[in-house]
């Protein structure tokens, strides 16, 4: 009898992106299947409470352990791996560069080794970063096939780029590398621009905008809504699944973003408009703001996998703000009850 369950191993599934993927994928039903089961590999039992109920099961351990990965693949009959784990921020990698290289590169290496032994994997989706284009000399749109000079990249970006290199050694099964832009949306509580600005505004504080000392302009970058990212991952799985009998074993890079760049100042002012229009931002100056933020070309993702971002920045920010307001109000209610 044909197996009617599609089994996906999610490595690093307890963060903002991982939790959103679990909740989204667990409710999808691909053609010829009855359900998707998400198996989570987490580093520590301390994080067990953060695993969404929609996950089927979980393992604890280090994703750099190829033998552990191989055991999970065989026990759970895994079809696809989504790899999100590793050192996740520039700040952490800068403090411990060696850990960044060990985590981000060694984990990818272990996945490749385990899948080569397993021989039944249909595809691996590997999260990387669009920041690798800081090593490009291209002054217009960034394409997936352009050359990257990694010599001056910081430890975080360089470790991600080296992990990409390891994936390119694979010829046994398809690997899709996602060069992600800045992901935002409900559930993101990291110390990044959008959640920090929302938190400040809801707390009655003034948000901050950093501008260049000379030009008085803020930096500019691409932002992608989390629900668009979950849709992108699902479409990649569907494409790999439809081609599983004849897709060539190769490594493919995809730019995953909105295809648009936005000034940081504009984003902050949009959030002010949503939360507290009377609030004035604090303008701070810096002397080292990099203004070279050309857009990523995202046509390949649409052409090969049918993905195109559909959520506008204003719509995504509105959804994100509403989610924050709901949680913020509940938190205040609990504090009042406790007092």
C-alpha atoms as a PDB file:
ATOM      1  CA  UNK A   1       0.000   0.000   0.000  1.00  0.00           C
ATOM      2  CA  UNK A   2       1.356   3.413  -0.955  1.00  0.00           C
ATOM      3  CA  UNK A   3       2.319   5.668   1.943  1.00  0.00           C
ATOM      4  CA  UNK A   4      -0.144   8.569   2.121  1.00  0.00           C
ATOM      5  CA  UNK A   5       1.980  10.670   4.481  1.00  0.00           C
ATOM      6  CA  UNK A   6       4.657  13.131   3.402  1.00  0.00           C
ATOM      7  CA  UNK A   7       7.318  13.276   6.114  1.00  0.00           C
ATOM      8  CA  UNK A   8       9.392  16.436   6.569  1.00  0.00           C
ATOM      9  CA  UNK A   9      12.292  16.855   8.985  1.00  0.00           C
ATOM     10  CA  UNK A  10      12.583  20.444  10.192  1.00  0.00           C
ATOM     11  CA  UNK A  11      15.971  21.272  11.682  1.00  0.00           C
ATOM     12  CA  UNK A  12      15.889  24.421  13.778  1.00  0.00           C
ATOM     13  CA  UNK A  13      12.124  24.547  13.950  1.00  0.00           C
ATOM     14  CA  UNK A  14      11.645  26.450  17.195  1.00  0.00           C
ATOM     15  CA  UNK A  15      12.379  29.974  16.043  1.00  0.00           C
ATOM     16  CA  UNK A  16      10.152  32.536  14.392  1.00  0.00           C
ATOM     17  CA  UNK A  17      10.426  31.058  10.880  1.00  0.00           C
ATOM     18  CA  UNK A  18      10.383  27.426  12.003  1.00  0.00           C
ATOM     19  CA  UNK A  19       7.208  27.747  14.055  1.00  0.00           C
ATOM     20  CA  UNK A  20       5.430  29.494  11.191  1.00  0.00           C
ATOM     21  CA  UNK A  21       6.482  26.728   8.789  1.00  0.00           C
ATOM     22  CA  UNK A  22       5.272  23.975  11.115  1.00  0.00           C
ATOM     23  CA  UNK A  23       1.855  25.567  11.569  1.00  0.00           C
ATOM     24  CA  UNK A  24       1.471  26.211   7.836  1.00  0.00           C
ATOM     25  CA  UNK A  25       2.780  22.937   6.384  1.00  0.00           C
ATOM     26  CA  UNK A  26       0.922  20.724   8.855  1.00  0.00           C
ATOM     27  CA  UNK A  27      -2.377  21.996   7.405  1.00  0.00           C
ATOM     28  CA  UNK A  28      -1.478  21.431   3.744  1.00  0.00           C
ATOM     29  CA  UNK A  29      -2.522  18.325   1.817  1.00  0.00           C
ATOM     30  CA  UNK A  30      -0.436  17.773  -1.335  1.00  0.00           C
ATOM     31  CA  UNK A  31      -1.913  15.835  -4.223  1.00  0.00           C
ATOM     32  CA  UNK A  32      -1.827  12.025  -3.718  1.00  0.00           C
ATOM     33  CA  UNK A  33      -1.220  12.439   0.042  1.00  0.00           C
ATOM     34  CA  UNK A  34      -3.520  12.527   3.051  1.00  0.00           C
ATOM     35  CA  UNK A  35      -1.296  14.552   5.350  1.00  0.00           C
ATOM     36  CA  UNK A  36       2.074  16.149   6.016  1.00  0.00           C
ATOM     37  CA  UNK A  37       3.931  15.154   9.175  1.00  0.00           C
ATOM     38  CA  UNK A  38       6.534  17.535  10.582  1.00  0.00           C
ATOM     39  CA  UNK A  39       9.339  15.977  12.623  1.00  0.00           C
ATOM     40  CA  UNK A  40      11.404  18.527  14.557  1.00  0.00           C
ATOM     41  CA  UNK A  41      15.052  18.224  15.539  1.00  0.00           C
ATOM     42  CA  UNK A  42      15.844  20.550  18.438  1.00  0.00           C
ATOM     43  CA  UNK A  43      19.115  21.006  20.259  1.00  0.00           C
ATOM     44  CA  UNK A  44      17.697  20.999  23.777  1.00  0.00           C
ATOM     45  CA  UNK A  45      14.695  19.770  25.792  1.00  0.00           C
ATOM     46  CA  UNK A  46      14.544  23.250  27.313  1.00  0.00           C
ATOM     47  CA  UNK A  47      12.871  24.378  24.090  1.00  0.00           C
ATOM     48  CA  UNK A  48      10.290  21.584  24.058  1.00  0.00           C
ATOM     49  CA  UNK A  49       7.434  23.888  25.084  1.00  0.00           C
ATOM     50  CA  UNK A  50       8.049  26.004  21.983  1.00  0.00           C
ATOM     51  CA  UNK A  51       7.283  23.142  19.594  1.00  0.00           C
ATOM     52  CA  UNK A  52       3.841  23.810  18.047  1.00  0.00           C
ATOM     53  CA  UNK A  53       1.177  21.169  18.674  1.00  0.00           C
ATOM     54  CA  UNK A  54       0.910  20.716  14.911  1.00  0.00           C
ATOM     55  CA  UNK A  55       4.343  19.033  14.884  1.00  0.00           C
ATOM     56  CA  UNK A  56       4.114  15.235  14.768  1.00  0.00           C
ATOM     57  CA  UNK A  57       7.161  14.413  16.893  1.00  0.00           C
ATOM     58  CA  UNK A  58      10.554  15.705  17.922  1.00  0.00           C
ATOM     59  CA  UNK A  59      14.119  14.595  18.551  1.00  0.00           C
ATOM     60  CA  UNK A  60      16.789  16.300  20.638  1.00  0.00           C
ATOM     61  CA  UNK A  61      20.416  16.532  19.614  1.00  0.00           C
ATOM     62  CA  UNK A  62      22.961  18.349  17.519  1.00  0.00           C
ATOM     63  CA  UNK A  63      22.215  18.645  13.803  1.00  0.00           C
ATOM     64  CA  UNK A  64      25.966  18.408  13.187  1.00  0.00           C
ATOM     65  CA  UNK A  65      25.746  14.726  14.221  1.00  0.00           C
ATOM     66  CA  UNK A  66      25.450  12.826  10.925  1.00  0.00           C
ATOM     67  CA  UNK A  67      24.703   9.514  12.674  1.00  0.00           C
ATOM     68  CA  UNK A  68      21.782  11.049  14.581  1.00  0.00           C
ATOM     69  CA  UNK A  69      20.411  12.543  11.376  1.00  0.00           C
ATOM     70  CA  UNK A  70      20.761   9.224   9.587  1.00  0.00           C
ATOM     71  CA  UNK A  71      18.845   7.463  12.375  1.00  0.00           C
ATOM     72  CA  UNK A  72      16.007   9.994  12.169  1.00  0.00           C
ATOM     73  CA  UNK A  73      15.827   9.676   8.387  1.00  0.00           C
ATOM     74  CA  UNK A  74      15.434   5.893   8.577  1.00  0.00           C
ATOM     75  CA  UNK A  75      13.112   5.807  11.610  1.00  0.00           C
ATOM     76  CA  UNK A  76      10.711   8.435  10.272  1.00  0.00           C
ATOM     77  CA  UNK A  77      11.084   7.631   6.561  1.00  0.00           C
ATOM     78  CA  UNK A  78      11.847  11.265   5.813  1.00  0.00           C
ATOM     79  CA  UNK A  79      11.132  12.620   2.333  1.00  0.00           C
ATOM     80  CA  UNK A  80      12.330  16.222   2.714  1.00  0.00           C
ATOM     81  CA  UNK A  81      14.575  18.213   5.038  1.00  0.00           C
ATOM     82  CA  UNK A  82      14.173  21.917   5.791  1.00  0.00           C
ATOM     83  CA  UNK A  83      17.326  23.215   7.454  1.00  0.00           C
ATOM     84  CA  UNK A  84      16.993  26.443   9.450  1.00  0.00           C
ATOM     85  CA  UNK A  85      19.423  25.767  12.306  1.00  0.00           C
ATOM     86  CA  UNK A  86      22.790  27.332  13.050  1.00  0.00           C
ATOM     87  CA  UNK A  87      24.128  30.630  14.344  1.00  0.00           C
ATOM     88  CA  UNK A  88      21.284  32.939  13.374  1.00  0.00           C
ATOM     89  CA  UNK A  89      22.501  36.510  13.807  1.00  0.00           C
ATOM     90  CA  UNK A  90      25.413  38.690  12.768  1.00  0.00           C
ATOM     91  CA  UNK A  91      26.022  39.717  16.395  1.00  0.00           C
ATOM     92  CA  UNK A  92      26.348  36.136  17.688  1.00  0.00           C
ATOM     93  CA  UNK A  93      28.658  35.138  14.851  1.00  0.00           C
ATOM     94  CA  UNK A  94      30.868  38.192  15.398  1.00  0.00           C
ATOM     95  CA  UNK A  95      31.292  37.300  19.078  1.00  0.00           C
ATOM     96  CA  UNK A  96      32.173  33.670  18.302  1.00  0.00           C
ATOM     97  CA  UNK A  97      33.306  33.290  14.660  1.00  0.00           C
ATOM     98  CA  UNK A  98      34.555  29.734  15.242  1.00  0.00           C
ATOM     99  CA  UNK A  99      31.124  28.648  16.492  1.00  0.00           C
ATOM    100  CA  UNK A 100      29.493  30.196  13.435  1.00  0.00           C
ATOM    101  CA  UNK A 101      31.691  28.204  11.071  1.00  0.00           C
ATOM    102  CA  UNK A 102      31.264  25.001  13.072  1.00  0.00           C
ATOM    103  CA  UNK A 103      27.488  25.321  13.324  1.00  0.00           C
ATOM    104  CA  UNK A 104      26.561  26.658   9.908  1.00  0.00           C
ATOM    105  CA  UNK A 105      29.048  24.607   7.878  1.00  0.00           C
ATOM    106  CA  UNK A 106      29.265  21.419   9.927  1.00  0.00           C
ATOM    107  CA  UNK A 107      25.482  21.045  10.112  1.00  0.00           C
ATOM    108  CA  UNK A 108      25.165  21.313   6.346  1.00  0.00           C
ATOM    109  CA  UNK A 109      27.959  18.773   5.962  1.00  0.00           C
ATOM    110  CA  UNK A 110      26.229  16.341   8.345  1.00  0.00           C
ATOM    111  CA  UNK A 111      22.948  16.671   6.440  1.00  0.00           C
ATOM    112  CA  UNK A 112      24.700  15.919   3.161  1.00  0.00           C
ATOM    113  CA  UNK A 113      26.461  12.869   4.623  1.00  0.00           C
ATOM    114  CA  UNK A 114      23.311  11.475   6.257  1.00  0.00           C
ATOM    115  CA  UNK A 115      21.219  11.923   3.117  1.00  0.00           C
ATOM    116  CA  UNK A 116      23.882  10.244   0.978  1.00  0.00           C
ATOM    117  CA  UNK A 117      23.720   7.185   3.261  1.00  0.00           C
ATOM    118  CA  UNK A 118      19.922   7.232   3.427  1.00  0.00           C
ATOM    119  CA  UNK A 119      19.528   7.410  -0.369  1.00  0.00           C
ATOM    120  CA  UNK A 120      15.772   8.049  -0.213  1.00  0.00           C
ATOM    121  CA  UNK A 121      15.689  11.775   0.372  1.00  0.00           C
ATOM    122  CA  UNK A 122      13.755  13.682  -2.279  1.00  0.00           C
ATOM    123  CA  UNK A 123      15.118  17.108  -1.507  1.00  0.00           C
ATOM    124  CA  UNK A 124      16.775  19.409   1.017  1.00  0.00           C
ATOM    125  CA  UNK A 125      15.834  23.062   1.486  1.00  0.00           C
ATOM    126  CA  UNK A 126      18.685  25.042   3.020  1.00  0.00           C
ATOM    127  CA  UNK A 127      18.173  28.539   4.449  1.00  0.00           C
ATOM    128  CA  UNK A 128      20.960  30.978   3.604  1.00  0.00           C
ATOM    129  CA  UNK A 129      20.991  34.776   3.439  1.00  0.00           C
ATOM    130  CA  UNK A 130      20.824  37.482   0.798  1.00  0.00           C
ATOM    131  CA  UNK A 131      23.603  39.220   2.732  1.00  0.00           C
ATOM    132  CA  UNK A 132      26.092  37.166   0.700  1.00  0.00           C
ATOM    133  CA  UNK A 133      25.567  39.766  -2.026  1.00  0.00           C
ATOM    134  CA  UNK A 134      27.621  42.159   0.074  1.00  0.00           C
ATOM    135  CA  UNK A 135      30.512  40.320  -1.564  1.00  0.00           C
ATOM    136  CA  UNK A 136      29.256  41.099  -5.068  1.00  0.00           C
ATOM    137  CA  UNK A 137      30.582  43.849  -7.311  1.00  0.00           C
ATOM    138  CA  UNK A 138      27.271  44.021  -9.166  1.00  0.00           C
ATOM    139  CA  UNK A 139      25.752  47.499  -8.867  1.00  0.00           C
ATOM    140  CA  UNK A 140      22.254  46.706 -10.139  1.00  0.00           C
ATOM    141  CA  UNK A 141      19.978  43.728  -9.438  1.00  0.00           C
ATOM    142  CA  UNK A 142      21.476  40.676  -7.779  1.00  0.00           C
ATOM    143  CA  UNK A 143      21.141  37.348  -9.606  1.00  0.00           C
ATOM    144  CA  UNK A 144      21.746  33.887  -8.167  1.00  0.00           C
ATOM    145  CA  UNK A 145      24.634  33.041 -10.501  1.00  0.00           C
ATOM    146  CA  UNK A 146      26.850  36.058  -9.894  1.00  0.00           C
ATOM    147  CA  UNK A 147      30.326  35.763  -8.399  1.00  0.00           C
ATOM    148  CA  UNK A 148      30.788  36.508  -4.699  1.00  0.00           C
ATOM    149  CA  UNK A 149      34.040  37.743  -3.170  1.00  0.00           C
ATOM    150  CA  UNK A 150      33.864  36.351   0.366  1.00  0.00           C
ATOM    151  CA  UNK A 151      37.110  37.848   1.677  1.00  0.00           C
ATOM    152  CA  UNK A 152      35.539  40.871   3.361  1.00  0.00           C
ATOM    153  CA  UNK A 153      32.289  39.270   4.504  1.00  0.00           C
ATOM    154  CA  UNK A 154      31.650  39.146   8.245  1.00  0.00           C
ATOM    155  CA  UNK A 155      31.783  35.729  10.015  1.00  0.00           C
ATOM    156  CA  UNK A 156      28.013  35.183   9.894  1.00  0.00           C
ATOM    157  CA  UNK A 157      27.681  35.806   6.158  1.00  0.00           C
ATOM    158  CA  UNK A 158      30.872  33.946   5.335  1.00  0.00           C
ATOM    159  CA  UNK A 159      29.748  30.870   7.298  1.00  0.00           C
ATOM    160  CA  UNK A 160      26.460  30.848   5.383  1.00  0.00           C
ATOM    161  CA  UNK A 161      28.312  31.168   2.091  1.00  0.00           C
ATOM    162  CA  UNK A 162      30.685  28.318   2.986  1.00  0.00           C
ATOM    163  CA  UNK A 163      27.664  26.158   3.836  1.00  0.00           C
ATOM    164  CA  UNK A 164      26.352  26.870   0.332  1.00  0.00           C
ATOM    165  CA  UNK A 165      29.682  25.688  -1.079  1.00  0.00           C
ATOM    166  CA  UNK A 166      29.384  22.387   0.798  1.00  0.00           C
ATOM    167  CA  UNK A 167      25.911  21.846  -0.627  1.00  0.00           C
ATOM    168  CA  UNK A 168      27.227  22.283  -4.156  1.00  0.00           C
ATOM    169  CA  UNK A 169      29.321  19.133  -3.742  1.00  0.00           C
ATOM    170  CA  UNK A 170      26.143  17.029  -3.689  1.00  0.00           C
ATOM    171  CA  UNK A 171      25.026  15.101  -6.765  1.00  0.00           C
ATOM    172  CA  UNK A 172      22.859  12.405  -5.089  1.00  0.00           C
ATOM    173  CA  UNK A 173      19.714  14.470  -4.476  1.00  0.00           C
ATOM    174  CA  UNK A 174      18.309  17.983  -5.086  1.00  0.00           C
ATOM    175  CA  UNK A 175      19.258  20.816  -2.730  1.00  0.00           C
ATOM    176  CA  UNK A 176      17.536  24.191  -2.937  1.00  0.00           C
ATOM    177  CA  UNK A 177      19.389  27.047  -1.241  1.00  0.00           C
ATOM    178  CA  UNK A 178      17.203  29.978  -0.220  1.00  0.00           C
ATOM    179  CA  UNK A 179      18.960  33.330  -0.104  1.00  0.00           C
ATOM    180  CA  UNK A 180      16.433  34.982   2.177  1.00  0.00           C
ATOM    181  CA  UNK A 181      15.806  38.690   2.495  1.00  0.00           C
ATOM    182  CA  UNK A 182      14.677  40.148   5.845  1.00  0.00           C
ATOM    183  CA  UNK A 183      11.712  38.112   7.062  1.00  0.00           C
ATOM    184  CA  UNK A 184       9.101  39.778   9.289  1.00  0.00           C
ATOM    185  CA  UNK A 185       5.637  39.053  10.632  1.00  0.00           C
ATOM    186  CA  UNK A 186       3.642  37.779  13.629  1.00  0.00           C
ATOM    187  CA  UNK A 187       5.737  35.791  16.066  1.00  0.00           C
ATOM    188  CA  UNK A 188       9.002  37.634  15.492  1.00  0.00           C
ATOM    189  CA  UNK A 189      10.239  38.913  18.853  1.00  0.00           C
ATOM    190  CA  UNK A 190      13.928  39.218  17.964  1.00  0.00           C
ATOM    191  CA  UNK A 191      15.744  42.494  18.496  1.00  0.00           C
ATOM    192  CA  UNK A 192      15.297  43.637  14.924  1.00  0.00           C
ATOM    193  CA  UNK A 193      13.890  46.777  13.349  1.00  0.00           C
ATOM    194  CA  UNK A 194      10.201  45.894  13.033  1.00  0.00           C
ATOM    195  CA  UNK A 195       9.560  44.100  16.361  1.00  0.00           C
ATOM    196  CA  UNK A 196      11.692  46.619  18.271  1.00  0.00           C
ATOM    197  CA  UNK A 197       9.873  49.577  16.722  1.00  0.00           C
ATOM    198  CA  UNK A 198       6.448  48.057  17.422  1.00  0.00           C
ATOM    199  CA  UNK A 199       7.410  47.292  21.006  1.00  0.00           C
ATOM    200  CA  UNK A 200       8.635  50.844  21.568  1.00  0.00           C
ATOM    201  CA  UNK A 201       5.450  52.346  20.142  1.00  0.00           C
ATOM    202  CA  UNK A 202       3.130  50.088  22.149  1.00  0.00           C
ATOM    203  CA  UNK A 203       5.091  50.968  25.298  1.00  0.00           C
ATOM    204  CA  UNK A 204       4.687  54.688  24.635  1.00  0.00           C
ATOM    205  CA  UNK A 205       8.342  55.184  23.734  1.00  0.00           C
ATOM    206  CA  UNK A 206       9.829  56.969  20.745  1.00  0.00           C
ATOM    207  CA  UNK A 207      11.066  54.755  17.898  1.00  0.00           C
ATOM    208  CA  UNK A 208      14.561  55.325  16.533  1.00  0.00           C
ATOM    209  CA  UNK A 209      15.690  55.975  12.968  1.00  0.00           C
ATOM    210  CA  UNK A 210      19.374  55.890  12.057  1.00  0.00           C
ATOM    211  CA  UNK A 211      20.385  58.119   9.145  1.00  0.00           C
ATOM    212  CA  UNK A 212      23.663  58.907   7.457  1.00  0.00           C
ATOM    213  CA  UNK A 213      25.522  61.836   8.976  1.00  0.00           C
ATOM    214  CA  UNK A 214      26.057  63.548   5.615  1.00  0.00           C
ATOM    215  CA  UNK A 215      23.072  62.639   3.437  1.00  0.00           C
ATOM    216  CA  UNK A 216      20.489  62.288   6.252  1.00  0.00           C
ATOM    217  CA  UNK A 217      19.173  59.161   4.503  1.00  0.00           C
ATOM    218  CA  UNK A 218      18.456  55.828   6.176  1.00  0.00           C
ATOM    219  CA  UNK A 219      19.600  52.480   4.815  1.00  0.00           C
ATOM    220  CA  UNK A 220      17.470  50.467   2.411  1.00  0.00           C
ATOM    221  CA  UNK A 221      16.703  46.762   2.197  1.00  0.00           C
ATOM    222  CA  UNK A 222      14.238  44.040   1.080  1.00  0.00           C
ATOM    223  CA  UNK A 223      11.529  42.777   3.448  1.00  0.00           C
ATOM    224  CA  UNK A 224       9.438  39.617   2.941  1.00  0.00           C
ATOM    225  CA  UNK A 225       6.328  38.720   4.954  1.00  0.00           C
ATOM    226  CA  UNK A 226       6.517  35.407   6.824  1.00  0.00           C
ATOM    227  CA  UNK A 227       3.361  33.976   5.213  1.00  0.00           C
ATOM    228  CA  UNK A 228       4.892  34.535   1.789  1.00  0.00           C
ATOM    229  CA  UNK A 229       7.980  32.607   2.883  1.00  0.00           C
ATOM    230  CA  UNK A 230       5.944  29.635   4.117  1.00  0.00           C
ATOM    231  CA  UNK A 231       4.129  29.615   0.773  1.00  0.00           C
ATOM    232  CA  UNK A 232       7.479  29.672  -1.047  1.00  0.00           C
ATOM    233  CA  UNK A 233       8.782  26.653   0.871  1.00  0.00           C
ATOM    234  CA  UNK A 234       5.588  24.714   0.188  1.00  0.00           C
ATOM    235  CA  UNK A 235       5.734  25.467  -3.532  1.00  0.00           C
ATOM    236  CA  UNK A 236       9.335  24.287  -3.657  1.00  0.00           C
ATOM    237  CA  UNK A 237       8.329  21.011  -2.010  1.00  0.00           C
ATOM    238  CA  UNK A 238       5.438  20.582  -4.460  1.00  0.00           C
ATOM    239  CA  UNK A 239       7.755  21.165  -7.418  1.00  0.00           C
ATOM    240  CA  UNK A 240      10.350  18.709  -6.122  1.00  0.00           C
ATOM    241  CA  UNK A 241       7.588  16.216  -5.393  1.00  0.00           C
ATOM    242  CA  UNK A 242       6.111  16.483  -8.895  1.00  0.00           C
ATOM    243  CA  UNK A 243       9.563  15.941 -10.411  1.00  0.00           C
ATOM    244  CA  UNK A 244      10.811  13.319  -7.958  1.00  0.00           C
ATOM    245  CA  UNK A 245      11.059  10.603 -10.595  1.00  0.00           C
ATOM    246  CA  UNK A 246      13.063  12.605 -13.121  1.00  0.00           C
ATOM    247  CA  UNK A 247      14.425  15.774 -11.511  1.00  0.00           C
ATOM    248  CA  UNK A 248      18.220  16.007 -11.924  1.00  0.00           C
ATOM    249  CA  UNK A 249      20.223  15.763  -8.710  1.00  0.00           C
ATOM    250  CA  UNK A 250      21.692  19.225  -8.407  1.00  0.00           C
ATOM    251  CA  UNK A 251      22.028  22.271  -6.187  1.00  0.00           C
ATOM    252  CA  UNK A 252      19.942  25.315  -7.013  1.00  0.00           C
ATOM    253  CA  UNK A 253      20.059  28.807  -5.494  1.00  0.00           C
ATOM    254  CA  UNK A 254      16.913  30.918  -5.217  1.00  0.00           C
ATOM    255  CA  UNK A 255      16.562  34.557  -4.240  1.00  0.00           C
ATOM    256  CA  UNK A 256      13.553  34.672  -1.915  1.00  0.00           C
ATOM    257  CA  UNK A 257      12.309  38.173  -1.243  1.00  0.00           C
ATOM    258  CA  UNK A 258       9.707  40.709  -2.269  1.00  0.00           C
ATOM    259  CA  UNK A 259      11.877  42.038  -5.077  1.00  0.00           C
ATOM    260  CA  UNK A 260      11.531  45.553  -3.643  1.00  0.00           C
ATOM    261  CA  UNK A 261      13.766  47.577  -1.347  1.00  0.00           C
ATOM    262  CA  UNK A 262      12.479  49.959   1.303  1.00  0.00           C
ATOM    263  CA  UNK A 263      14.071  52.776   3.277  1.00  0.00           C
ATOM    264  CA  UNK A 264      14.239  51.994   6.983  1.00  0.00           C
ATOM    265  CA  UNK A 265      12.804  55.433   7.724  1.00  0.00           C
ATOM    266  CA  UNK A 266       9.729  54.695   5.592  1.00  0.00           C
ATOM    267  CA  UNK A 267       9.123  51.418   7.431  1.00  0.00           C
ATOM    268  CA  UNK A 268       9.344  53.102  10.834  1.00  0.00           C
ATOM    269  CA  UNK A 269       6.965  55.872   9.766  1.00  0.00           C
ATOM    270  CA  UNK A 270       4.473  53.288   8.444  1.00  0.00           C
ATOM    271  CA  UNK A 271       4.535  51.605  11.855  1.00  0.00           C
ATOM    272  CA  UNK A 272       4.041  54.957  13.585  1.00  0.00           C
ATOM    273  CA  UNK A 273       0.999  55.576  11.373  1.00  0.00           C
ATOM    274  CA  UNK A 274      -0.456  52.170  12.341  1.00  0.00           C
ATOM    275  CA  UNK A 275       0.108  52.472  16.090  1.00  0.00           C
ATOM    276  CA  UNK A 276       0.508  56.063  17.268  1.00  0.00           C
ATOM    277  CA  UNK A 277       0.361  58.729  14.513  1.00  0.00           C
ATOM    278  CA  UNK A 278       1.144  61.520  16.971  1.00  0.00           C
ATOM    279  CA  UNK A 279       4.408  59.915  18.040  1.00  0.00           C
ATOM    280  CA  UNK A 280       7.621  61.488  16.708  1.00  0.00           C
ATOM    281  CA  UNK A 281      10.674  59.322  15.983  1.00  0.00           C
ATOM    282  CA  UNK A 282      14.141  60.013  17.347  1.00  0.00           C
ATOM    283  CA  UNK A 283      16.554  60.649  14.464  1.00  0.00           C
ATOM    284  CA  UNK A 284      20.088  59.416  15.183  1.00  0.00           C
ATOM    285  CA  UNK A 285      23.082  59.844  12.891  1.00  0.00           C
ATOM    286  CA  UNK A 286      25.759  57.360  11.858  1.00  0.00           C
ATOM    287  CA  UNK A 287      28.841  57.812   9.716  1.00  0.00           C
ATOM    288  CA  UNK A 288      29.095  54.282   8.299  1.00  0.00           C
ATOM    289  CA  UNK A 289      25.704  53.519   6.724  1.00  0.00           C
ATOM    290  CA  UNK A 290      26.014  51.431   3.561  1.00  0.00           C
ATOM    291  CA  UNK A 291      23.697  52.709   0.834  1.00  0.00           C
ATOM    292  CA  UNK A 292      24.502  50.015  -1.709  1.00  0.00           C
ATOM    293  CA  UNK A 293      21.353  47.889  -1.442  1.00  0.00           C
ATOM    294  CA  UNK A 294      20.435  46.862  -4.984  1.00  0.00           C
ATOM    295  CA  UNK A 295      17.359  44.690  -5.306  1.00  0.00           C
ATOM    296  CA  UNK A 296      17.476  40.925  -5.566  1.00  0.00           C
ATOM    297  CA  UNK A 297      16.131  39.604  -8.827  1.00  0.00           C
ATOM    298  CA  UNK A 298      13.413  37.112  -7.830  1.00  0.00           C
ATOM    299  CA  UNK A 299      12.320  35.955 -11.291  1.00  0.00           C
ATOM    300  CA  UNK A 300      13.958  32.526 -10.983  1.00  0.00           C
ATOM    301  CA  UNK A 301      11.787  31.578  -7.993  1.00  0.00           C
ATOM    302  CA  UNK A 302       8.662  32.427  -9.960  1.00  0.00           C
ATOM    303  CA  UNK A 303       9.796  30.811 -13.202  1.00  0.00           C
ATOM    304  CA  UNK A 304      11.053  27.521 -11.748  1.00  0.00           C
ATOM    305  CA  UNK A 305       8.890  27.094  -8.650  1.00  0.00           C
ATOM    306  CA  UNK A 306       5.871  29.341  -9.191  1.00  0.00           C
ATOM    307  CA  UNK A 307       6.551  31.582  -6.203  1.00  0.00           C
ATOM    308  CA  UNK A 308       5.945  35.314  -6.139  1.00  0.00           C
ATOM    309  CA  UNK A 309       5.400  37.394  -3.009  1.00  0.00           C
ATOM    310  CA  UNK A 310       1.817  38.651  -2.794  1.00  0.00           C
ATOM    311  CA  UNK A 311       1.728  40.517   0.529  1.00  0.00           C
ATOM    312  CA  UNK A 312       2.443  44.236   0.269  1.00  0.00           C
ATOM    313  CA  UNK A 313       4.601  45.843   2.937  1.00  0.00           C
ATOM    314  CA  UNK A 314       1.690  47.929   4.250  1.00  0.00           C
ATOM    315  CA  UNK A 315      -0.564  44.864   4.489  1.00  0.00           C
ATOM    316  CA  UNK A 316       2.122  42.764   6.172  1.00  0.00           C
ATOM    317  CA  UNK A 317       2.915  45.471   8.700  1.00  0.00           C
ATOM    318  CA  UNK A 318      -0.778  45.877   9.525  1.00  0.00           C
ATOM    319  CA  UNK A 319      -1.136  42.127  10.225  1.00  0.00           C
ATOM    320  CA  UNK A 320       2.049  42.151  12.289  1.00  0.00           C
ATOM    321  CA  UNK A 321       0.974  45.164  14.352  1.00  0.00           C
ATOM    322  CA  UNK A 322      -2.452  43.637  15.061  1.00  0.00           C
ATOM    323  CA  UNK A 323      -0.802  40.428  16.310  1.00  0.00           C
ATOM    324  CA  UNK A 324       1.502  42.433  18.566  1.00  0.00           C
ATOM    325  CA  UNK A 325      -1.403  44.497  19.930  1.00  0.00           C
ATOM    326  CA  UNK A 326      -3.326  41.352  20.809  1.00  0.00           C
ATOM    327  CA  UNK A 327      -0.390  39.785  22.657  1.00  0.00           C
ATOM    328  CA  UNK A 328       0.567  43.090  24.268  1.00  0.00           C
ATOM    329  CA  UNK A 329      -2.955  43.580  25.659  1.00  0.00           C
ATOM    330  CA  UNK A 330      -3.062  40.005  26.992  1.00  0.00           C
ATOM    331  CA  UNK A 331       0.295  40.542  28.682  1.00  0.00           C
ATOM    332  CA  UNK A 332      -0.931  43.730  30.366  1.00  0.00           C
ATOM    333  CA  UNK A 333      -4.121  41.982  31.513  1.00  0.00           C
ATOM    334  CA  UNK A 334      -2.066  39.220  33.166  1.00  0.00           C
ATOM    335  CA  UNK A 335       0.082  41.810  34.948  1.00  0.00           C
ATOM    336  CA  UNK A 336      -3.047  43.537  36.313  1.00  0.00           C
ATOM    337  CA  UNK A 337      -4.443  40.235  37.612  1.00  0.00           C
ATOM    338  CA  UNK A 338      -1.133  39.347  39.301  1.00  0.00           C
ATOM    339  CA  UNK A 339      -0.898  42.758  40.982  1.00  0.00           C
END
